[in-house]
């Protein structure tokens, strides 16, 4: 299953857009094991977007599960780094209590 950030959220700049993507991700993860998130035609992602769209997945999934089940495609280095950094930092904070 492929989820297009541009179609679902119209970009990756705001917390509200992150909430829309998070809703789509959680629905998709209930329906199938592995999902692909496409950032085609999206150049940047803000931390508020990533926090709401991806970091909230850590409330129900481990970091390893997110890495295994969510694939990111058609993204920029900035987007990849933002997602990786925020997920890793949050998982470490959660682990350290």
N, C-alpha and C. Protein backbone atom coordinates (compact mmCIF):
# COMPACT_ATOMS: atom_id res chain seq x y z
N UNK A 1 0.84 -1.18 0.00
CA UNK A 1 0.00 0.00 0.00
C UNK A 1 0.89 1.24 0.00
N UNK A 2 0.61 2.17 -0.90
CA UNK A 2 1.37 3.41 -0.99
C UNK A 2 0.49 4.58 -0.54
N UNK A 3 1.03 5.38 0.36
CA UNK A 3 0.35 6.58 0.83
C UNK A 3 1.15 7.78 0.34
N UNK A 4 0.49 8.67 -0.38
CA UNK A 4 1.14 9.87 -0.90
C UNK A 4 0.93 11.02 0.09
N UNK A 5 2.03 11.57 0.59
CA UNK A 5 1.95 12.70 1.52
C UNK A 5 1.24 13.87 0.86
N UNK A 6 1.56 14.13 -0.40
CA UNK A 6 0.96 15.26 -1.12
C UNK A 6 -0.55 15.09 -1.22
N UNK A 7 -1.03 13.87 -1.50
CA UNK A 7 -2.46 13.64 -1.65
C UNK A 7 -3.19 13.65 -0.31
N UNK A 8 -2.59 13.04 0.71
CA UNK A 8 -3.25 12.92 2.01
C UNK A 8 -3.19 14.22 2.81
N UNK A 9 -2.02 14.87 2.80
CA UNK A 9 -1.82 16.02 3.69
C UNK A 9 -1.52 17.33 2.96
N UNK A 10 -1.31 17.27 1.65
CA UNK A 10 -0.99 18.45 0.84
C UNK A 10 0.33 19.10 1.24
N UNK A 11 1.24 18.34 1.82
CA UNK A 11 2.54 18.86 2.20
C UNK A 11 2.97 18.29 3.54
N UNK A 12 4.13 18.77 4.02
CA UNK A 12 4.69 18.27 5.27
C UNK A 12 5.22 19.42 6.12
N UNK A 13 4.41 20.48 6.22
CA UNK A 13 4.85 21.70 6.89
C UNK A 13 4.23 21.96 8.25
N UNK A 14 3.05 21.40 8.52
CA UNK A 14 2.34 21.77 9.73
C UNK A 14 1.97 20.54 10.56
N UNK A 15 1.65 20.80 11.82
CA UNK A 15 1.18 19.73 12.70
C UNK A 15 -0.14 19.15 12.19
N UNK A 16 -1.01 19.99 11.67
CA UNK A 16 -2.30 19.50 11.15
C UNK A 16 -2.08 18.54 9.98
N UNK A 17 -1.11 18.84 9.12
CA UNK A 17 -0.79 17.93 8.02
C UNK A 17 -0.23 16.61 8.57
N UNK A 18 0.56 16.71 9.62
CA UNK A 18 1.09 15.51 10.27
C UNK A 18 -0.01 14.65 10.85
N UNK A 19 -1.02 15.29 11.45
CA UNK A 19 -2.15 14.55 12.00
C UNK A 19 -2.90 13.81 10.90
N UNK A 20 -3.07 14.44 9.75
CA UNK A 20 -3.76 13.78 8.63
C UNK A 20 -2.98 12.56 8.15
N UNK A 21 -1.66 12.71 8.04
CA UNK A 21 -0.86 11.57 7.60
C UNK A 21 -0.86 10.47 8.65
N UNK A 22 -0.76 10.83 9.92
CA UNK A 22 -0.79 9.84 11.00
C UNK A 22 -2.07 9.01 10.94
N UNK A 23 -3.20 9.66 10.71
CA UNK A 23 -4.47 8.93 10.61
C UNK A 23 -4.43 7.94 9.45
N UNK A 24 -3.89 8.38 8.32
CA UNK A 24 -3.78 7.49 7.16
C UNK A 24 -2.81 6.34 7.44
N UNK A 25 -1.70 6.63 8.12
CA UNK A 25 -0.73 5.58 8.44
C UNK A 25 -1.32 4.54 9.38
N UNK A 26 -1.99 4.99 10.42
CA UNK A 26 -2.55 4.02 11.38
C UNK A 26 -3.62 3.15 10.72
N UNK A 27 -4.46 3.74 9.89
CA UNK A 27 -5.46 2.96 9.16
C UNK A 27 -4.78 1.92 8.27
N UNK A 28 -3.75 2.34 7.55
CA UNK A 28 -3.05 1.43 6.64
C UNK A 28 -2.32 0.32 7.40
N UNK A 29 -1.71 0.66 8.53
CA UNK A 29 -1.00 -0.35 9.31
C UNK A 29 -1.94 -1.38 9.93
N UNK A 30 -3.18 -1.01 10.15
CA UNK A 30 -4.17 -1.97 10.62
C UNK A 30 -4.55 -2.93 9.51
N UNK A 31 -4.50 -2.45 8.26
CA UNK A 31 -4.97 -3.22 7.12
C UNK A 31 -3.89 -4.10 6.49
N UNK A 32 -2.63 -3.69 6.61
CA UNK A 32 -1.55 -4.43 5.94
C UNK A 32 -0.27 -4.33 6.76
N UNK A 33 0.65 -5.24 6.49
CA UNK A 33 1.87 -5.31 7.31
C UNK A 33 2.88 -4.22 6.96
N UNK A 34 3.10 -3.99 5.67
CA UNK A 34 4.12 -3.02 5.25
C UNK A 34 3.47 -1.96 4.38
N UNK A 35 3.78 -0.69 4.70
CA UNK A 35 3.26 0.41 3.91
C UNK A 35 4.41 1.25 3.37
N UNK A 36 4.15 1.92 2.28
CA UNK A 36 5.13 2.81 1.66
C UNK A 36 4.56 4.22 1.70
N UNK A 37 5.38 5.15 2.18
CA UNK A 37 4.99 6.55 2.25
C UNK A 37 5.80 7.30 1.19
N UNK A 38 5.11 7.89 0.24
CA UNK A 38 5.77 8.62 -0.84
C UNK A 38 5.75 10.12 -0.57
N UNK A 39 6.94 10.72 -0.64
CA UNK A 39 7.08 12.17 -0.49
C UNK A 39 7.26 12.84 -1.85
N UNK A 40 6.77 12.21 -2.91
CA UNK A 40 6.87 12.80 -4.25
C UNK A 40 6.25 14.19 -4.24
N UNK A 41 6.95 15.16 -4.84
CA UNK A 41 6.51 16.55 -4.93
C UNK A 41 6.45 17.27 -3.57
N UNK A 42 7.17 16.74 -2.58
CA UNK A 42 7.31 17.39 -1.28
C UNK A 42 8.81 17.57 -1.05
N UNK A 43 9.25 18.80 -0.82
CA UNK A 43 10.68 19.08 -0.72
C UNK A 43 11.24 19.06 0.70
N UNK A 44 10.41 19.45 1.69
CA UNK A 44 10.89 19.52 3.07
C UNK A 44 9.80 19.01 4.01
N UNK A 45 10.24 18.66 5.22
CA UNK A 45 9.32 18.27 6.28
C UNK A 45 9.76 18.96 7.57
N UNK A 46 8.81 19.53 8.29
CA UNK A 46 9.12 20.20 9.55
C UNK A 46 9.09 19.19 10.69
N UNK A 47 9.73 19.56 11.80
CA UNK A 47 9.71 18.67 12.96
C UNK A 47 8.29 18.50 13.50
N UNK A 48 7.47 19.53 13.45
CA UNK A 48 6.09 19.40 13.95
C UNK A 48 5.31 18.40 13.10
N UNK A 49 5.53 18.40 11.79
CA UNK A 49 4.88 17.43 10.92
C UNK A 49 5.35 16.02 11.26
N UNK A 50 6.67 15.84 11.34
CA UNK A 50 7.24 14.51 11.61
C UNK A 50 6.82 14.00 12.97
N UNK A 51 6.80 14.88 13.97
CA UNK A 51 6.38 14.46 15.31
C UNK A 51 4.98 13.88 15.29
N UNK A 52 4.06 14.56 14.65
CA UNK A 52 2.67 14.09 14.64
C UNK A 52 2.45 12.94 13.68
N UNK A 53 3.14 12.92 12.56
CA UNK A 53 2.92 11.87 11.56
C UNK A 53 3.64 10.57 11.92
N UNK A 54 4.88 10.65 12.37
CA UNK A 54 5.69 9.45 12.56
C UNK A 54 6.02 9.14 14.01
N UNK A 55 6.40 10.12 14.80
CA UNK A 55 6.79 9.86 16.19
C UNK A 55 5.62 9.27 16.98
N UNK A 56 4.42 9.70 16.68
CA UNK A 56 3.25 9.15 17.39
C UNK A 56 3.06 7.66 17.13
N UNK A 57 3.65 7.15 16.05
CA UNK A 57 3.57 5.71 15.81
C UNK A 57 4.25 4.92 16.93
N UNK A 58 5.21 5.57 17.62
CA UNK A 58 5.94 4.90 18.70
C UNK A 58 5.06 4.68 19.93
N UNK A 59 3.87 5.25 19.94
CA UNK A 59 2.94 4.99 21.04
C UNK A 59 2.42 3.56 21.00
N UNK A 60 2.38 2.98 19.80
CA UNK A 60 1.85 1.62 19.66
C UNK A 60 2.83 0.64 19.02
N UNK A 61 3.88 1.15 18.40
CA UNK A 61 4.87 0.29 17.74
C UNK A 61 6.26 0.59 18.28
N UNK A 62 7.13 -0.41 18.28
CA UNK A 62 8.53 -0.17 18.64
C UNK A 62 9.23 0.49 17.45
N UNK A 63 10.39 1.07 17.71
CA UNK A 63 11.16 1.67 16.63
C UNK A 63 11.50 0.62 15.57
N UNK A 64 11.85 -0.57 16.00
CA UNK A 64 12.16 -1.64 15.05
C UNK A 64 10.95 -1.98 14.18
N UNK A 65 9.76 -2.00 14.78
CA UNK A 65 8.55 -2.27 14.00
C UNK A 65 8.29 -1.17 12.98
N UNK A 66 8.47 0.08 13.38
CA UNK A 66 8.28 1.20 12.45
C UNK A 66 9.26 1.07 11.29
N UNK A 67 10.52 0.78 11.60
CA UNK A 67 11.53 0.63 10.55
C UNK A 67 11.18 -0.51 9.60
N UNK A 68 10.63 -1.58 10.13
CA UNK A 68 10.31 -2.75 9.31
C UNK A 68 9.05 -2.54 8.48
N UNK A 69 8.07 -1.84 9.05
CA UNK A 69 6.76 -1.77 8.43
C UNK A 69 6.50 -0.52 7.60
N UNK A 70 7.29 0.54 7.79
CA UNK A 70 7.05 1.81 7.09
C UNK A 70 8.25 2.12 6.20
N UNK A 71 8.01 2.17 4.91
CA UNK A 71 9.06 2.49 3.94
C UNK A 71 8.84 3.91 3.43
N UNK A 72 9.91 4.66 3.33
CA UNK A 72 9.85 6.03 2.82
C UNK A 72 10.47 6.05 1.43
N UNK A 73 9.75 6.61 0.46
CA UNK A 73 10.27 6.70 -0.91
C UNK A 73 10.07 8.11 -1.45
N UNK A 74 10.81 8.42 -2.53
CA UNK A 74 10.70 9.71 -3.22
C UNK A 74 10.89 10.88 -2.26
N UNK A 75 11.82 10.73 -1.33
CA UNK A 75 12.03 11.80 -0.35
C UNK A 75 13.42 12.41 -0.52
N UNK A 76 13.63 13.52 0.14
CA UNK A 76 14.92 14.21 0.09
C UNK A 76 15.77 13.78 1.28
N UNK A 77 17.02 14.11 1.23
CA UNK A 77 17.91 13.83 2.37
C UNK A 77 17.41 14.53 3.63
N UNK A 78 16.92 15.76 3.50
CA UNK A 78 16.41 16.51 4.66
C UNK A 78 15.24 15.77 5.30
N UNK A 79 14.33 15.29 4.49
CA UNK A 79 13.16 14.57 5.01
C UNK A 79 13.61 13.28 5.69
N UNK A 80 14.47 12.52 5.05
CA UNK A 80 14.97 11.27 5.64
C UNK A 80 15.64 11.52 6.98
N UNK A 81 16.50 12.53 7.03
CA UNK A 81 17.22 12.86 8.27
C UNK A 81 16.26 13.30 9.37
N UNK A 82 15.28 14.12 9.02
CA UNK A 82 14.32 14.60 10.01
C UNK A 82 13.55 13.42 10.62
N UNK A 83 13.08 12.53 9.79
CA UNK A 83 12.32 11.37 10.28
C UNK A 83 13.22 10.49 11.15
N UNK A 84 14.41 10.16 10.64
CA UNK A 84 15.33 9.30 11.38
C UNK A 84 15.70 9.92 12.73
N UNK A 85 16.06 11.21 12.72
CA UNK A 85 16.48 11.88 13.94
C UNK A 85 15.37 11.91 14.99
N UNK A 86 14.16 12.29 14.57
CA UNK A 86 13.07 12.41 15.53
C UNK A 86 12.64 11.04 16.07
N UNK A 87 12.58 10.02 15.22
CA UNK A 87 12.21 8.68 15.69
C UNK A 87 13.26 8.13 16.64
N UNK A 88 14.53 8.28 16.28
CA UNK A 88 15.61 7.75 17.13
C UNK A 88 15.64 8.45 18.48
N UNK A 89 15.53 9.78 18.46
CA UNK A 89 15.58 10.55 19.70
C UNK A 89 14.41 10.17 20.61
N UNK A 90 13.23 10.05 20.05
CA UNK A 90 12.05 9.71 20.85
C UNK A 90 12.14 8.28 21.39
N UNK A 91 12.61 7.35 20.57
CA UNK A 91 12.74 5.96 21.04
C UNK A 91 13.75 5.86 22.18
N UNK A 92 14.85 6.62 22.08
CA UNK A 92 15.85 6.61 23.15
C UNK A 92 15.29 7.22 24.42
N UNK A 93 14.54 8.31 24.30
CA UNK A 93 13.94 8.95 25.46
C UNK A 93 12.93 8.01 26.13
N UNK A 94 12.16 7.32 25.32
CA UNK A 94 11.16 6.37 25.82
C UNK A 94 11.86 5.22 26.56
N UNK A 95 12.95 4.72 25.97
CA UNK A 95 13.70 3.61 26.57
C UNK A 95 14.36 4.03 27.88
N UNK A 96 14.89 5.25 27.91
CA UNK A 96 15.59 5.71 29.11
C UNK A 96 14.63 6.16 30.21
N UNK A 97 13.36 6.22 29.86
CA UNK A 97 12.32 6.48 30.83
C UNK A 97 12.17 7.87 31.25
